[in-house]
């Protein structure tokens, strides 16, 4: 049992998914369907592995669970990297009509949104006892 609450990482994932949908919709209206689904795939390739990491990394908390915390962070990060590489490989291999630049741009922008959202998130790890 710990009095430390997990950070609200779901806000990062929600913001990434919202930006992914927004970018895909704008791309569809302005450029076309190939660019739109390429941007959508790129955003999902960023957001889905991040959600996998968040699921594993913040499973445990507290000093008594320190070894579990470290192991879950390592498992989450390794899984995130493998998941990202596999999704990129599947996209480049099986999607024949793909705009690679749009895919990478969608990935980079959604990744940047995650970093920025994490930076602006206000978080106090201690639960008040009132």
Protein backbone atom coordinates (compact mmCIF):
# COMPACT_ATOMS: atom_id res chain seq x y z
CA UNK A 1 0.00 0.00 0.00
CA UNK A 2 1.39 3.37 -0.97
CA UNK A 3 0.28 6.97 -0.54
CA UNK A 4 1.87 7.90 -3.85
CA UNK A 5 -0.56 8.23 -6.72
CA UNK A 6 0.34 7.46 -10.32
CA UNK A 7 0.77 10.39 -12.71
CA UNK A 8 -2.17 11.10 -15.02
CA UNK A 9 -0.48 9.56 -18.07
CA UNK A 10 -3.88 8.88 -19.63
CA UNK A 11 -3.99 12.60 -20.44
CA UNK A 12 -0.90 12.20 -22.61
CA UNK A 13 -2.38 9.26 -24.50
CA UNK A 14 -5.73 11.03 -24.98
CA UNK A 15 -3.99 14.15 -26.29
CA UNK A 16 -1.92 12.06 -28.69
CA UNK A 17 -4.97 10.24 -30.01
CA UNK A 18 -6.90 13.51 -30.36
CA UNK A 19 -4.07 15.13 -32.33
CA UNK A 20 -3.78 12.00 -34.48
CA UNK A 21 -7.46 12.17 -35.41
CA UNK A 22 -7.32 15.92 -35.99
CA UNK A 23 -4.24 15.68 -38.24
CA UNK A 24 -5.77 12.83 -40.23
CA UNK A 25 -9.03 14.75 -40.72
CA UNK A 26 -7.22 17.91 -41.85
CA UNK A 27 -5.01 15.85 -44.17
CA UNK A 28 -8.07 14.18 -45.67
CA UNK A 29 -9.71 17.54 -46.37
CA UNK A 30 -6.60 19.30 -47.68
CA UNK A 31 -4.39 16.69 -49.35
CA UNK A 32 -6.21 13.38 -49.82
CA UNK A 33 -6.86 9.93 -48.48
CA UNK A 34 -3.36 8.44 -48.93
CA UNK A 35 -1.73 11.19 -46.89
CA UNK A 36 -4.57 11.08 -44.36
CA UNK A 37 -4.25 7.38 -43.56
CA UNK A 38 -0.45 7.65 -43.62
CA UNK A 39 -0.63 10.42 -41.02
CA UNK A 40 -3.17 8.38 -39.06
CA UNK A 41 -0.89 5.33 -39.06
CA UNK A 42 2.10 7.43 -38.03
CA UNK A 43 0.18 8.92 -35.12
CA UNK A 44 -1.05 5.51 -34.01
CA UNK A 45 2.48 4.10 -34.27
CA UNK A 46 3.46 6.73 -31.71
CA UNK A 47 0.40 6.65 -29.42
CA UNK A 48 -0.17 2.89 -29.13
CA UNK A 49 3.34 1.97 -27.93
CA UNK A 50 3.21 4.92 -25.51
CA UNK A 51 0.01 3.55 -24.02
CA UNK A 52 1.69 0.14 -23.69
CA UNK A 53 4.55 1.81 -21.82
CA UNK A 54 2.19 3.73 -19.54
CA UNK A 55 0.25 0.57 -18.76
CA UNK A 56 3.38 -1.23 -17.62
CA UNK A 57 5.51 1.58 -16.21
CA UNK A 58 3.03 2.89 -13.66
CA UNK A 59 1.64 -0.43 -12.48
CA UNK A 60 3.55 -0.34 -9.16
CA UNK A 61 4.56 2.44 -6.76
CA UNK A 62 6.21 2.89 -3.38
CA UNK A 63 9.56 2.04 -1.84
CA UNK A 64 8.53 -1.52 -0.97
CA UNK A 65 7.86 -2.20 -4.65
CA UNK A 66 11.07 -0.59 -5.92
CA UNK A 67 12.27 -3.73 -7.69
CA UNK A 68 8.85 -4.18 -9.33
CA UNK A 69 8.83 -0.51 -10.38
CA UNK A 70 12.23 -0.85 -12.09
CA UNK A 71 11.30 -4.12 -13.80
CA UNK A 72 7.98 -2.73 -15.01
CA UNK A 73 9.66 0.40 -16.42
CA UNK A 74 12.21 -1.73 -18.27
CA UNK A 75 9.51 -4.09 -19.56
CA UNK A 76 7.38 -1.13 -20.64
CA UNK A 77 10.22 0.66 -22.44
CA UNK A 78 11.53 -2.45 -24.20
CA UNK A 79 7.99 -3.38 -25.22
CA UNK A 80 7.41 0.16 -26.49
CA UNK A 81 10.54 0.06 -28.64
CA UNK A 82 9.76 -3.39 -30.04
CA UNK A 83 6.11 -2.46 -30.62
CA UNK A 84 7.18 0.71 -32.49
CA UNK A 85 9.68 -1.12 -34.70
CA UNK A 86 7.17 -3.88 -35.51
CA UNK A 87 4.43 -1.36 -36.40
CA UNK A 88 6.78 0.58 -38.68
CA UNK A 89 7.96 -2.64 -40.34
CA UNK A 90 4.39 -3.84 -40.87
CA UNK A 91 3.37 -0.48 -42.30
CA UNK A 92 6.26 -0.29 -44.75
CA UNK A 93 5.89 -3.96 -45.74
CA UNK A 94 2.16 -4.48 -46.13
CA UNK A 95 0.69 -1.10 -47.05
CA UNK A 96 1.39 -0.63 -50.73
CA UNK A 97 -0.01 2.86 -51.23
CA UNK A 98 1.71 4.66 -48.36
CA UNK A 99 3.11 8.17 -48.16
CA UNK A 100 6.25 7.51 -46.11
CA UNK A 101 6.94 11.18 -45.40
CA UNK A 102 3.41 11.68 -44.04
CA UNK A 103 3.74 8.55 -41.91
CA UNK A 104 7.01 9.74 -40.35
CA UNK A 105 5.70 13.30 -39.95
CA UNK A 106 2.57 11.99 -38.18
CA UNK A 107 4.73 9.85 -35.90
CA UNK A 108 7.10 12.72 -35.07
CA UNK A 109 4.35 15.26 -34.43
CA UNK A 110 2.33 12.94 -32.20
CA UNK A 111 5.48 11.97 -30.32
CA UNK A 112 6.25 15.67 -29.82
CA UNK A 113 2.69 16.24 -28.55
CA UNK A 114 3.26 13.51 -25.96
CA UNK A 115 6.49 15.09 -24.78
CA UNK A 116 4.92 18.55 -24.59
CA UNK A 117 1.81 17.29 -22.78
CA UNK A 118 4.01 15.52 -20.24
CA UNK A 119 5.96 18.72 -19.69
CA UNK A 120 2.88 20.85 -19.10
CA UNK A 121 1.13 18.33 -16.88
CA UNK A 122 0.81 19.43 -13.27
CA UNK A 123 1.47 16.50 -10.97
CA UNK A 124 1.98 16.15 -7.26
CA UNK A 125 2.83 12.55 -6.33
CA UNK A 126 1.69 12.84 -2.70
CA UNK A 127 -1.94 12.20 -1.85
CA UNK A 128 -3.31 14.70 0.66
CA UNK A 129 -4.66 13.14 3.84
CA UNK A 130 -7.60 15.48 4.36
